[in-house]
N, C-alpha and C. Protein backbone atom coordinates (compact mmCIF):
# COMPACT_ATOMS: atom_id res chain seq x y z
N MET A 1 -50.57 -29.23 45.25
CA MET A 1 -49.74 -29.48 46.42
C MET A 1 -48.27 -29.26 46.07
N LYS A 2 -47.57 -28.56 46.92
CA LYS A 2 -46.16 -28.28 46.69
C LYS A 2 -45.33 -29.55 46.77
N ASN A 3 -44.43 -29.73 45.81
CA ASN A 3 -43.55 -30.89 45.83
C ASN A 3 -42.35 -30.61 46.74
N ILE A 4 -42.13 -31.46 47.69
CA ILE A 4 -41.11 -31.25 48.71
C ILE A 4 -39.92 -32.16 48.47
N GLN A 5 -38.73 -31.60 48.56
CA GLN A 5 -37.50 -32.39 48.51
C GLN A 5 -36.81 -32.27 49.87
N ILE A 6 -36.51 -33.40 50.46
CA ILE A 6 -35.91 -33.44 51.79
C ILE A 6 -34.54 -34.10 51.71
N VAL A 7 -33.56 -33.49 52.34
CA VAL A 7 -32.19 -34.01 52.34
C VAL A 7 -31.81 -34.42 53.76
N PHE A 8 -31.49 -35.69 53.94
CA PHE A 8 -31.01 -36.19 55.23
C PHE A 8 -29.49 -36.27 55.17
N VAL A 9 -28.83 -35.64 56.13
CA VAL A 9 -27.37 -35.67 56.20
C VAL A 9 -26.98 -36.37 57.50
N ASP A 10 -26.25 -37.46 57.38
CA ASP A 10 -25.82 -38.20 58.56
C ASP A 10 -24.70 -37.45 59.26
N SER A 11 -24.81 -37.30 60.57
CA SER A 11 -23.81 -36.52 61.31
C SER A 11 -22.48 -37.24 61.46
N ALA A 12 -22.40 -38.50 60.99
CA ALA A 12 -21.11 -39.20 60.98
C ALA A 12 -20.27 -38.82 59.78
N VAL A 13 -20.88 -38.16 58.80
CA VAL A 13 -20.16 -37.75 57.59
C VAL A 13 -19.17 -36.64 57.94
N GLU A 14 -17.94 -36.80 57.47
CA GLU A 14 -16.92 -35.79 57.73
C GLU A 14 -17.34 -34.44 57.15
N ASP A 15 -17.18 -33.40 57.95
CA ASP A 15 -17.52 -32.04 57.54
C ASP A 15 -18.93 -31.98 56.97
N TRP A 16 -19.87 -32.58 57.67
CA TRP A 16 -21.26 -32.55 57.21
C TRP A 16 -21.79 -31.13 57.14
N GLN A 17 -21.19 -30.24 57.95
CA GLN A 17 -21.67 -28.85 57.98
C GLN A 17 -21.56 -28.19 56.61
N SER A 18 -20.44 -28.42 55.92
CA SER A 18 -20.26 -27.77 54.63
C SER A 18 -21.25 -28.32 53.61
N LEU A 19 -21.61 -29.59 53.72
CA LEU A 19 -22.61 -30.15 52.83
C LEU A 19 -24.00 -29.61 53.15
N ALA A 20 -24.30 -29.49 54.44
CA ALA A 20 -25.62 -29.00 54.85
C ALA A 20 -25.87 -27.57 54.39
N VAL A 21 -24.85 -26.73 54.51
CA VAL A 21 -25.05 -25.34 54.09
C VAL A 21 -24.97 -25.20 52.57
N GLY A 22 -24.51 -26.25 51.91
CA GLY A 22 -24.40 -26.21 50.45
C GLY A 22 -25.55 -26.86 49.72
N ILE A 23 -26.62 -27.19 50.45
CA ILE A 23 -27.80 -27.77 49.81
C ILE A 23 -28.53 -26.68 49.02
N LYS A 24 -29.05 -27.04 47.88
CA LYS A 24 -29.72 -26.08 47.01
C LYS A 24 -30.93 -25.44 47.70
N ALA A 25 -31.19 -24.20 47.36
CA ALA A 25 -32.30 -23.45 47.94
C ALA A 25 -33.62 -24.16 47.67
N GLY A 26 -34.50 -24.11 48.66
CA GLY A 26 -35.82 -24.70 48.52
C GLY A 26 -35.93 -26.11 49.05
N MET A 27 -34.80 -26.73 49.40
CA MET A 27 -34.82 -28.07 49.96
C MET A 27 -34.71 -28.00 51.48
N GLU A 28 -35.38 -28.91 52.14
CA GLU A 28 -35.29 -28.99 53.59
C GLU A 28 -34.17 -29.94 53.98
N VAL A 29 -33.38 -29.56 54.97
CA VAL A 29 -32.25 -30.37 55.43
C VAL A 29 -32.52 -30.88 56.84
N ILE A 30 -32.36 -32.17 57.03
CA ILE A 30 -32.56 -32.78 58.35
C ILE A 30 -31.31 -33.59 58.69
N LEU A 31 -30.76 -33.33 59.85
CA LEU A 31 -29.55 -34.02 60.29
C LEU A 31 -29.92 -35.29 61.04
N VAL A 32 -29.29 -36.40 60.66
CA VAL A 32 -29.51 -37.69 61.30
C VAL A 32 -28.45 -37.89 62.39
N ASP A 33 -28.89 -38.13 63.60
CA ASP A 33 -28.00 -38.32 64.74
C ASP A 33 -27.25 -39.64 64.59
N ARG A 34 -25.94 -39.56 64.57
CA ARG A 34 -25.13 -40.77 64.39
C ARG A 34 -25.27 -41.75 65.56
N ALA A 35 -25.75 -41.28 66.72
CA ALA A 35 -25.82 -42.12 67.91
C ALA A 35 -27.15 -42.83 68.06
N LEU A 36 -28.11 -42.58 67.17
CA LEU A 36 -29.44 -43.16 67.27
C LEU A 36 -29.79 -43.92 66.00
N PRO A 37 -30.77 -44.84 66.09
CA PRO A 37 -31.20 -45.60 64.91
C PRO A 37 -31.66 -44.66 63.79
N GLY A 38 -31.06 -44.79 62.61
CA GLY A 38 -31.31 -43.84 61.54
C GLY A 38 -32.64 -44.03 60.83
N ILE A 39 -33.06 -45.27 60.59
CA ILE A 39 -34.31 -45.50 59.87
C ILE A 39 -35.48 -44.90 60.63
N GLU A 40 -35.48 -45.07 61.94
CA GLU A 40 -36.56 -44.52 62.76
C GLU A 40 -36.57 -42.99 62.70
N GLN A 41 -35.39 -42.38 62.67
CA GLN A 41 -35.33 -40.92 62.58
C GLN A 41 -35.92 -40.43 61.25
N ILE A 42 -35.55 -41.10 60.18
CA ILE A 42 -36.06 -40.70 58.87
C ILE A 42 -37.56 -40.93 58.78
N THR A 43 -38.02 -42.06 59.29
CA THR A 43 -39.45 -42.38 59.26
C THR A 43 -40.26 -41.35 60.03
N GLU A 44 -39.79 -40.97 61.18
CA GLU A 44 -40.50 -39.99 62.00
C GLU A 44 -40.60 -38.64 61.28
N ALA A 45 -39.55 -38.27 60.58
CA ALA A 45 -39.56 -36.99 59.86
C ALA A 45 -40.49 -37.04 58.65
N LEU A 46 -40.46 -38.15 57.91
CA LEU A 46 -41.23 -38.21 56.67
C LEU A 46 -42.72 -38.40 56.90
N LYS A 47 -43.10 -39.12 57.93
CA LYS A 47 -44.53 -39.41 58.10
C LYS A 47 -45.34 -38.18 58.48
N ARG A 48 -44.65 -37.11 58.88
CA ARG A 48 -45.35 -35.88 59.24
C ARG A 48 -45.49 -34.92 58.06
N ARG A 49 -44.93 -35.27 56.92
CA ARG A 49 -44.89 -34.35 55.78
C ARG A 49 -45.69 -34.86 54.60
N LYS A 50 -46.36 -33.93 53.93
CA LYS A 50 -47.14 -34.27 52.74
C LYS A 50 -46.48 -33.67 51.50
N GLY A 51 -46.77 -34.27 50.37
CA GLY A 51 -46.27 -33.73 49.11
C GLY A 51 -44.80 -33.99 48.85
N ILE A 52 -44.25 -35.05 49.44
CA ILE A 52 -42.83 -35.36 49.24
C ILE A 52 -42.62 -35.91 47.84
N GLU A 53 -41.67 -35.31 47.14
CA GLU A 53 -41.33 -35.76 45.80
C GLU A 53 -40.05 -36.58 45.78
N SER A 54 -39.07 -36.15 46.56
CA SER A 54 -37.80 -36.88 46.58
C SER A 54 -37.14 -36.78 47.95
N VAL A 55 -36.37 -37.82 48.25
CA VAL A 55 -35.60 -37.89 49.49
C VAL A 55 -34.15 -38.15 49.12
N HIS A 56 -33.25 -37.33 49.63
CA HIS A 56 -31.82 -37.48 49.41
C HIS A 56 -31.19 -37.92 50.73
N ILE A 57 -30.33 -38.93 50.68
CA ILE A 57 -29.66 -39.41 51.90
C ILE A 57 -28.16 -39.35 51.68
N ILE A 58 -27.51 -38.47 52.44
CA ILE A 58 -26.06 -38.30 52.35
C ILE A 58 -25.45 -38.97 53.58
N SER A 59 -24.82 -40.10 53.37
CA SER A 59 -24.25 -40.87 54.48
C SER A 59 -23.14 -41.76 53.94
N HIS A 60 -22.53 -42.52 54.83
CA HIS A 60 -21.50 -43.46 54.41
C HIS A 60 -22.12 -44.73 53.85
N GLY A 61 -21.42 -45.38 52.93
CA GLY A 61 -21.95 -46.60 52.36
C GLY A 61 -20.85 -47.54 51.88
N GLU A 62 -21.28 -48.74 51.53
CA GLU A 62 -20.44 -49.72 50.86
C GLU A 62 -21.36 -50.62 50.06
N SER A 63 -20.84 -51.54 49.31
CA SER A 63 -21.67 -52.36 48.44
C SER A 63 -22.81 -53.04 49.19
N GLY A 64 -24.05 -52.71 48.82
CA GLY A 64 -25.21 -53.33 49.44
C GLY A 64 -25.48 -52.90 50.86
N SER A 65 -24.96 -51.74 51.26
CA SER A 65 -25.13 -51.31 52.65
C SER A 65 -25.05 -49.80 52.76
N LEU A 66 -25.82 -49.27 53.71
CA LEU A 66 -25.87 -47.83 53.95
C LEU A 66 -25.89 -47.60 55.45
N GLN A 67 -25.03 -46.71 55.94
CA GLN A 67 -24.99 -46.42 57.36
C GLN A 67 -25.89 -45.22 57.67
N LEU A 68 -26.92 -45.43 58.49
CA LEU A 68 -27.86 -44.36 58.86
C LEU A 68 -27.92 -44.26 60.37
N GLY A 69 -27.33 -43.20 60.93
CA GLY A 69 -27.20 -43.15 62.38
C GLY A 69 -26.39 -44.35 62.83
N LYS A 70 -26.89 -45.05 63.83
CA LYS A 70 -26.17 -46.25 64.28
C LYS A 70 -26.68 -47.52 63.60
N THR A 71 -27.56 -47.35 62.61
CA THR A 71 -28.12 -48.48 61.87
C THR A 71 -27.34 -48.76 60.60
N SER A 72 -26.92 -50.00 60.43
CA SER A 72 -26.34 -50.44 59.18
C SER A 72 -27.45 -51.10 58.38
N LEU A 73 -27.94 -50.41 57.36
CA LEU A 73 -29.04 -50.93 56.54
C LEU A 73 -28.45 -51.73 55.40
N ASN A 74 -28.86 -53.00 55.28
CA ASN A 74 -28.31 -53.88 54.25
C ASN A 74 -29.36 -54.89 53.81
N SER A 75 -29.00 -55.71 52.85
CA SER A 75 -29.95 -56.67 52.29
C SER A 75 -30.47 -57.64 53.33
N ASP A 76 -29.70 -57.90 54.36
CA ASP A 76 -30.12 -58.86 55.39
C ASP A 76 -31.20 -58.32 56.30
N ASN A 77 -31.25 -56.99 56.47
CA ASN A 77 -32.24 -56.45 57.42
C ASN A 77 -33.27 -55.51 56.79
N LEU A 78 -33.24 -55.34 55.47
CA LEU A 78 -34.20 -54.44 54.83
C LEU A 78 -35.64 -54.81 55.17
N GLU A 79 -35.96 -56.09 55.11
CA GLU A 79 -37.32 -56.53 55.38
C GLU A 79 -37.76 -56.16 56.80
N THR A 80 -36.82 -56.07 57.71
CA THR A 80 -37.13 -55.72 59.10
C THR A 80 -37.79 -54.35 59.18
N TYR A 81 -37.46 -53.48 58.23
CA TYR A 81 -37.97 -52.11 58.26
C TYR A 81 -39.13 -51.88 57.29
N ARG A 82 -39.77 -52.97 56.86
CA ARG A 82 -40.86 -52.85 55.89
C ARG A 82 -41.94 -51.87 56.36
N ASP A 83 -42.34 -51.98 57.64
CA ASP A 83 -43.40 -51.10 58.15
C ASP A 83 -42.95 -49.64 58.17
N CYS A 84 -41.67 -49.41 58.45
CA CYS A 84 -41.14 -48.04 58.41
C CYS A 84 -41.19 -47.49 57.00
N PHE A 85 -40.74 -48.28 56.04
CA PHE A 85 -40.70 -47.83 54.65
C PHE A 85 -42.09 -47.48 54.13
N LYS A 86 -43.11 -48.19 54.59
CA LYS A 86 -44.48 -47.92 54.15
C LYS A 86 -44.93 -46.51 54.54
N GLN A 87 -44.31 -45.96 55.59
CA GLN A 87 -44.70 -44.64 56.08
C GLN A 87 -43.95 -43.50 55.40
N TRP A 88 -42.90 -43.82 54.65
CA TRP A 88 -42.06 -42.77 54.08
C TRP A 88 -42.84 -41.86 53.14
N PHE A 89 -43.70 -42.43 52.31
CA PHE A 89 -44.45 -41.63 51.35
C PHE A 89 -45.95 -41.79 51.54
N SER A 90 -46.36 -42.23 52.72
CA SER A 90 -47.78 -42.53 52.97
C SER A 90 -48.66 -41.29 52.90
N SER A 91 -48.09 -40.10 53.16
CA SER A 91 -48.88 -38.87 53.13
C SER A 91 -48.82 -38.18 51.78
N SER A 92 -48.07 -38.76 50.86
CA SER A 92 -47.94 -38.17 49.52
C SER A 92 -48.72 -39.01 48.53
N VAL A 93 -49.65 -38.37 47.83
CA VAL A 93 -50.54 -39.09 46.93
C VAL A 93 -49.99 -39.06 45.51
N SER A 94 -49.95 -40.21 44.88
CA SER A 94 -49.51 -40.27 43.48
C SER A 94 -50.23 -41.42 42.78
N SER A 95 -50.69 -41.18 41.57
CA SER A 95 -51.32 -42.23 40.78
C SER A 95 -50.31 -42.90 39.85
N ILE A 96 -49.09 -42.38 39.87
CA ILE A 96 -48.05 -42.90 38.99
C ILE A 96 -47.11 -43.81 39.79
N LYS A 97 -47.00 -45.05 39.40
CA LYS A 97 -46.13 -45.99 40.10
C LYS A 97 -44.68 -45.50 40.09
N ASN A 98 -44.05 -45.57 41.25
CA ASN A 98 -42.65 -45.19 41.40
C ASN A 98 -42.40 -43.72 41.04
N ARG A 99 -43.33 -42.88 41.31
CA ARG A 99 -43.12 -41.46 41.05
C ARG A 99 -42.12 -40.88 42.05
N PHE A 100 -42.19 -41.33 43.30
CA PHE A 100 -41.30 -40.82 44.33
C PHE A 100 -39.88 -41.29 44.08
N GLU A 101 -38.90 -40.49 44.52
CA GLU A 101 -37.51 -40.80 44.23
C GLU A 101 -36.66 -40.73 45.49
N ILE A 102 -35.72 -41.66 45.61
CA ILE A 102 -34.75 -41.68 46.69
C ILE A 102 -33.37 -41.68 46.07
N LEU A 103 -32.51 -40.76 46.50
CA LEU A 103 -31.14 -40.66 46.00
C LEU A 103 -30.18 -40.96 47.13
N LEU A 104 -29.32 -41.97 46.94
CA LEU A 104 -28.37 -42.41 47.96
C LEU A 104 -26.96 -42.02 47.54
N TYR A 105 -26.27 -41.24 48.38
CA TYR A 105 -24.98 -40.69 48.01
C TYR A 105 -23.79 -41.48 48.58
N GLY A 106 -24.01 -42.48 49.41
CA GLY A 106 -22.91 -43.21 50.03
C GLY A 106 -22.05 -43.95 49.02
N CYS A 107 -20.77 -44.09 49.33
CA CYS A 107 -19.83 -44.77 48.44
C CYS A 107 -20.25 -46.21 48.15
N ASN A 108 -20.24 -46.58 46.87
CA ASN A 108 -20.34 -47.98 46.44
C ASN A 108 -21.63 -48.69 46.82
N VAL A 109 -22.66 -47.97 47.24
CA VAL A 109 -23.90 -48.62 47.68
C VAL A 109 -24.45 -49.54 46.59
N ALA A 110 -24.38 -49.11 45.34
CA ALA A 110 -24.93 -49.90 44.24
C ALA A 110 -23.87 -50.69 43.49
N ALA A 111 -22.69 -50.85 44.07
CA ALA A 111 -21.59 -51.54 43.38
C ALA A 111 -21.85 -53.04 43.29
N GLY A 112 -21.65 -53.60 42.10
CA GLY A 112 -21.75 -55.04 41.91
C GLY A 112 -23.16 -55.57 42.02
N GLU A 113 -23.29 -56.89 41.87
CA GLU A 113 -24.61 -57.52 41.96
C GLU A 113 -25.23 -57.33 43.33
N LYS A 114 -24.42 -57.38 44.36
CA LYS A 114 -24.91 -57.20 45.73
C LYS A 114 -25.50 -55.81 45.90
N GLY A 115 -24.81 -54.81 45.40
CA GLY A 115 -25.29 -53.44 45.53
C GLY A 115 -26.55 -53.20 44.72
N GLU A 116 -26.57 -53.70 43.50
CA GLU A 116 -27.74 -53.51 42.65
C GLU A 116 -28.97 -54.20 43.25
N ALA A 117 -28.77 -55.38 43.82
CA ALA A 117 -29.89 -56.10 44.45
C ALA A 117 -30.43 -55.33 45.65
N PHE A 118 -29.53 -54.71 46.41
CA PHE A 118 -29.94 -53.90 47.56
C PHE A 118 -30.81 -52.72 47.11
N VAL A 119 -30.37 -52.03 46.07
CA VAL A 119 -31.11 -50.87 45.57
C VAL A 119 -32.47 -51.31 45.03
N GLN A 120 -32.52 -52.40 44.32
CA GLN A 120 -33.78 -52.90 43.78
C GLN A 120 -34.75 -53.27 44.91
N GLN A 121 -34.22 -53.91 45.93
CA GLN A 121 -35.06 -54.32 47.05
C GLN A 121 -35.60 -53.10 47.81
N LEU A 122 -34.76 -52.09 47.98
CA LEU A 122 -35.20 -50.87 48.65
C LEU A 122 -36.30 -50.19 47.83
N SER A 123 -36.16 -50.21 46.52
CA SER A 123 -37.18 -49.64 45.65
C SER A 123 -38.51 -50.37 45.80
N GLU A 124 -38.46 -51.68 45.87
CA GLU A 124 -39.68 -52.46 46.02
C GLU A 124 -40.37 -52.19 47.35
N LEU A 125 -39.60 -52.03 48.40
CA LEU A 125 -40.17 -51.83 49.73
C LEU A 125 -40.73 -50.43 49.93
N THR A 126 -40.10 -49.44 49.31
CA THR A 126 -40.55 -48.05 49.47
C THR A 126 -41.50 -47.61 48.38
N LYS A 127 -41.61 -48.40 47.30
CA LYS A 127 -42.41 -48.05 46.12
C LYS A 127 -41.88 -46.77 45.47
N ALA A 128 -40.59 -46.54 45.58
CA ALA A 128 -39.95 -45.35 45.01
C ALA A 128 -38.91 -45.76 43.99
N SER A 129 -38.60 -44.85 43.08
CA SER A 129 -37.44 -45.02 42.21
C SER A 129 -36.21 -44.69 43.02
N VAL A 130 -35.16 -45.48 42.90
CA VAL A 130 -33.97 -45.29 43.72
C VAL A 130 -32.73 -45.18 42.84
N ALA A 131 -31.89 -44.19 43.14
CA ALA A 131 -30.59 -44.03 42.47
C ALA A 131 -29.51 -44.08 43.53
N ALA A 132 -28.36 -44.65 43.20
CA ALA A 132 -27.28 -44.77 44.18
C ALA A 132 -25.93 -44.77 43.48
N SER A 133 -24.91 -44.48 44.24
CA SER A 133 -23.55 -44.47 43.71
C SER A 133 -23.00 -45.89 43.61
N ALA A 134 -22.31 -46.16 42.52
CA ALA A 134 -21.69 -47.47 42.32
C ALA A 134 -20.18 -47.40 42.47
N ASP A 135 -19.66 -46.25 42.87
CA ASP A 135 -18.22 -46.12 43.11
C ASP A 135 -18.01 -45.11 44.23
N ILE A 136 -16.84 -44.54 44.31
CA ILE A 136 -16.51 -43.63 45.42
C ILE A 136 -17.23 -42.30 45.23
N THR A 137 -17.89 -41.85 46.29
CA THR A 137 -18.58 -40.57 46.27
C THR A 137 -17.77 -39.53 47.04
N GLY A 138 -17.60 -38.36 46.45
CA GLY A 138 -16.92 -37.29 47.15
C GLY A 138 -15.78 -36.69 46.37
N SER A 139 -14.74 -36.30 47.08
CA SER A 139 -13.62 -35.55 46.52
C SER A 139 -12.97 -36.22 45.32
N ALA A 140 -12.82 -35.46 44.24
CA ALA A 140 -12.14 -35.97 43.05
C ALA A 140 -10.68 -36.24 43.34
N ALA A 141 -10.08 -35.47 44.25
CA ALA A 141 -8.68 -35.66 44.61
C ALA A 141 -8.45 -37.01 45.29
N LYS A 142 -9.52 -37.59 45.83
CA LYS A 142 -9.43 -38.90 46.48
C LYS A 142 -10.10 -39.98 45.65
N GLY A 143 -10.29 -39.70 44.37
CA GLY A 143 -10.85 -40.70 43.46
C GLY A 143 -12.36 -40.74 43.41
N GLY A 144 -13.00 -39.73 43.98
CA GLY A 144 -14.45 -39.75 44.04
C GLY A 144 -15.12 -38.88 43.00
N ASN A 145 -16.44 -38.98 42.93
CA ASN A 145 -17.27 -38.12 42.09
C ASN A 145 -18.65 -38.05 42.73
N TRP A 146 -19.55 -37.31 42.11
CA TRP A 146 -20.89 -37.15 42.66
C TRP A 146 -21.96 -37.70 41.70
N VAL A 147 -21.56 -38.65 40.89
CA VAL A 147 -22.50 -39.27 39.96
C VAL A 147 -23.16 -40.47 40.63
N LEU A 148 -24.47 -40.57 40.52
CA LEU A 148 -25.19 -41.75 41.02
C LEU A 148 -25.40 -42.67 39.82
N GLU A 149 -24.50 -43.61 39.68
CA GLU A 149 -24.39 -44.37 38.42
C GLU A 149 -25.51 -45.38 38.20
N TYR A 150 -26.12 -45.84 39.25
CA TYR A 150 -27.13 -46.90 39.10
C TYR A 150 -28.49 -46.40 39.56
N ALA A 151 -29.53 -46.70 38.79
CA ALA A 151 -30.89 -46.32 39.16
C ALA A 151 -31.86 -47.39 38.71
N THR A 152 -32.92 -47.57 39.49
CA THR A 152 -33.93 -48.57 39.14
C THR A 152 -34.69 -48.16 37.89
N VAL A 153 -34.94 -46.85 37.75
CA VAL A 153 -35.48 -46.26 36.51
C VAL A 153 -34.83 -44.89 36.39
N ALA A 154 -35.07 -44.21 35.27
CA ALA A 154 -34.49 -42.89 35.09
C ALA A 154 -34.97 -41.93 36.19
N ILE A 155 -34.03 -41.24 36.81
CA ILE A 155 -34.33 -40.31 37.89
C ILE A 155 -34.43 -38.89 37.33
N LYS A 156 -35.51 -38.20 37.69
CA LYS A 156 -35.72 -36.84 37.21
C LYS A 156 -35.09 -35.81 38.15
N THR A 157 -34.98 -36.15 39.42
CA THR A 157 -34.47 -35.21 40.42
C THR A 157 -32.97 -35.00 40.26
N GLY A 158 -32.53 -33.76 40.31
CA GLY A 158 -31.10 -33.47 40.27
C GLY A 158 -30.46 -33.64 41.64
N LEU A 159 -29.14 -33.58 41.68
CA LEU A 159 -28.44 -33.69 42.96
C LEU A 159 -28.78 -32.52 43.86
N ALA A 160 -28.73 -32.77 45.16
CA ALA A 160 -29.16 -31.76 46.13
C ALA A 160 -28.11 -30.72 46.44
N ILE A 161 -26.84 -31.03 46.17
CA ILE A 161 -25.74 -30.17 46.61
C ILE A 161 -25.30 -29.24 45.49
N GLU A 162 -25.02 -27.99 45.86
CA GLU A 162 -24.54 -27.03 44.87
C GLU A 162 -23.20 -27.50 44.28
N PRO A 163 -23.01 -27.31 42.96
CA PRO A 163 -21.80 -27.80 42.29
C PRO A 163 -20.49 -27.34 42.92
N GLU A 164 -20.42 -26.07 43.33
CA GLU A 164 -19.17 -25.58 43.91
C GLU A 164 -18.87 -26.22 45.26
N VAL A 165 -19.92 -26.60 45.99
CA VAL A 165 -19.74 -27.28 47.28
C VAL A 165 -19.21 -28.69 47.04
N MET A 166 -19.76 -29.38 46.06
CA MET A 166 -19.25 -30.71 45.72
C MET A 166 -17.80 -30.64 45.28
N ALA A 167 -17.48 -29.63 44.50
CA ALA A 167 -16.11 -29.49 43.99
C ALA A 167 -15.11 -29.23 45.11
N ASN A 168 -15.55 -28.55 46.16
CA ASN A 168 -14.63 -28.17 47.24
C ASN A 168 -14.63 -29.14 48.41
N TYR A 169 -15.53 -30.12 48.41
CA TYR A 169 -15.60 -31.06 49.52
C TYR A 169 -14.35 -31.94 49.52
N ALA A 170 -13.71 -32.06 50.68
CA ALA A 170 -12.39 -32.70 50.74
C ALA A 170 -12.42 -34.16 51.19
N HIS A 171 -13.60 -34.76 51.29
CA HIS A 171 -13.70 -36.11 51.85
C HIS A 171 -14.48 -37.03 50.92
N THR A 172 -14.53 -38.31 51.28
CA THR A 172 -15.34 -39.29 50.57
C THR A 172 -16.27 -39.98 51.57
N LEU A 173 -17.19 -40.80 51.06
CA LEU A 173 -18.25 -41.34 51.90
C LEU A 173 -18.28 -42.87 52.01
N PRO A 174 -17.13 -43.51 52.32
CA PRO A 174 -17.14 -44.95 52.55
C PRO A 174 -17.49 -45.26 54.00
N ILE A 175 -17.98 -46.47 54.25
CA ILE A 175 -18.26 -46.87 55.64
C ILE A 175 -16.97 -47.04 56.42
N THR A 176 -15.91 -47.53 55.79
CA THR A 176 -14.63 -47.76 56.46
C THR A 176 -14.13 -46.48 57.12
N GLY A 177 -13.82 -46.58 58.39
CA GLY A 177 -13.23 -45.44 59.08
C GLY A 177 -14.20 -44.50 59.76
N ILE A 178 -15.51 -44.84 59.78
CA ILE A 178 -16.48 -43.98 60.46
C ILE A 178 -16.17 -43.95 61.96
N LYS A 179 -16.24 -42.78 62.54
CA LYS A 179 -16.05 -42.62 63.97
C LYS A 179 -17.37 -42.25 64.62
N PHE A 180 -17.82 -43.10 65.53
CA PHE A 180 -19.09 -42.84 66.19
C PHE A 180 -18.86 -42.21 67.56
N ASN A 181 -18.29 -41.02 67.56
CA ASN A 181 -18.07 -40.31 68.80
C ASN A 181 -19.39 -39.70 69.27
N ASP A 182 -19.54 -39.59 70.59
CA ASP A 182 -20.72 -38.94 71.12
C ASP A 182 -20.73 -37.48 70.71
N LEU A 183 -21.92 -36.97 70.47
CA LEU A 183 -22.05 -35.58 70.09
C LEU A 183 -21.86 -34.69 71.31
N ASP A 184 -21.31 -33.52 71.10
CA ASP A 184 -21.11 -32.58 72.19
C ASP A 184 -22.39 -31.83 72.50
N GLY A 185 -22.48 -31.35 73.73
CA GLY A 185 -23.60 -30.50 74.12
C GLY A 185 -24.92 -31.22 74.03
N ASN A 186 -25.96 -30.50 73.61
CA ASN A 186 -27.28 -31.09 73.54
C ASN A 186 -27.58 -31.70 72.18
N GLY A 187 -26.61 -31.67 71.26
CA GLY A 187 -26.78 -32.34 69.99
C GLY A 187 -27.65 -31.61 69.00
N THR A 188 -27.86 -30.32 69.20
CA THR A 188 -28.68 -29.59 68.26
C THR A 188 -27.94 -28.39 67.72
N GLN A 189 -28.22 -28.07 66.47
CA GLN A 189 -27.71 -26.86 65.87
C GLN A 189 -28.80 -26.25 65.03
N THR A 190 -28.94 -24.95 65.13
CA THR A 190 -29.96 -24.28 64.35
C THR A 190 -29.38 -23.87 63.01
N ALA A 191 -30.27 -23.57 62.09
CA ALA A 191 -29.82 -23.11 60.78
C ALA A 191 -29.01 -21.84 60.92
N GLY A 192 -29.40 -20.97 61.85
CA GLY A 192 -28.67 -19.73 62.04
C GLY A 192 -27.25 -19.95 62.50
N GLU A 193 -27.04 -20.92 63.38
CA GLU A 193 -25.71 -21.22 63.88
C GLU A 193 -24.81 -21.75 62.78
N LEU A 194 -25.43 -22.37 61.77
CA LEU A 194 -24.66 -22.89 60.64
C LEU A 194 -24.49 -21.86 59.54
N GLY A 195 -25.12 -20.71 59.71
CA GLY A 195 -25.05 -19.70 58.67
C GLY A 195 -25.92 -20.02 57.48
N VAL A 196 -27.00 -20.77 57.71
CA VAL A 196 -27.87 -21.20 56.63
C VAL A 196 -29.15 -20.37 56.64
N SER A 197 -29.62 -20.01 55.48
CA SER A 197 -30.93 -19.37 55.37
C SER A 197 -31.80 -20.19 54.45
N GLY A 198 -33.07 -20.33 54.81
CA GLY A 198 -34.01 -21.03 53.94
C GLY A 198 -34.05 -22.54 54.13
N VAL A 199 -33.30 -23.08 55.09
CA VAL A 199 -33.37 -24.50 55.36
C VAL A 199 -33.53 -24.71 56.87
N THR A 200 -33.91 -25.89 57.24
CA THR A 200 -34.07 -26.22 58.65
C THR A 200 -33.17 -27.39 58.99
N ILE A 201 -32.44 -27.28 60.08
CA ILE A 201 -31.58 -28.38 60.53
C ILE A 201 -32.17 -28.95 61.80
N PHE A 202 -32.51 -30.25 61.77
CA PHE A 202 -32.99 -30.93 62.96
C PHE A 202 -32.00 -32.01 63.35
N LEU A 203 -31.81 -32.22 64.64
CA LEU A 203 -31.03 -33.35 65.12
C LEU A 203 -31.79 -33.92 66.30
N ASP A 204 -32.54 -34.99 66.08
CA ASP A 204 -33.37 -35.57 67.13
C ASP A 204 -32.51 -36.34 68.11
N THR A 205 -32.63 -36.00 69.38
CA THR A 205 -31.88 -36.70 70.43
C THR A 205 -32.80 -37.10 71.55
């Protein structure tokens, strides 16, 4: 069975288009609608796919919290989504505990005891190995980097974004300052409109 890597890009992320077109070849890209509940969008996408090896989530974050669509996922509400998390890798068969991997790119998600506890809890609920950033993610000129400093176990999956795209990205990924403006038009963009080949862009509305 082919191992699938899926990258979710939150549409609230500044200049998400440059990140989406900069995803490494062979990975599927799915856009999360900032105006809708994010966990449900991710669950719907994952439960239809088999052979998932890793999931990358590029969104805004802060210590112990991740913004997915209009959902703020944090330690207080993780248990609420237990049934959703069970479906994330339900179609992927593995005899190795924690073989599946989740990479979280949001700023400071794993920062401090609060952040580490959040990542550990997410790992327990999804039965996946989880890696997350413990400091600012994004532009080096703004104090950021693209290292996921904290992981529940060693992560084998590399970062989803091409190095030159990370180097040229001009923003960072903190929750502070997110603008939840309504999307224009019908809220969809095709891979062709983005100038992307070999990936698929979905925006469920």
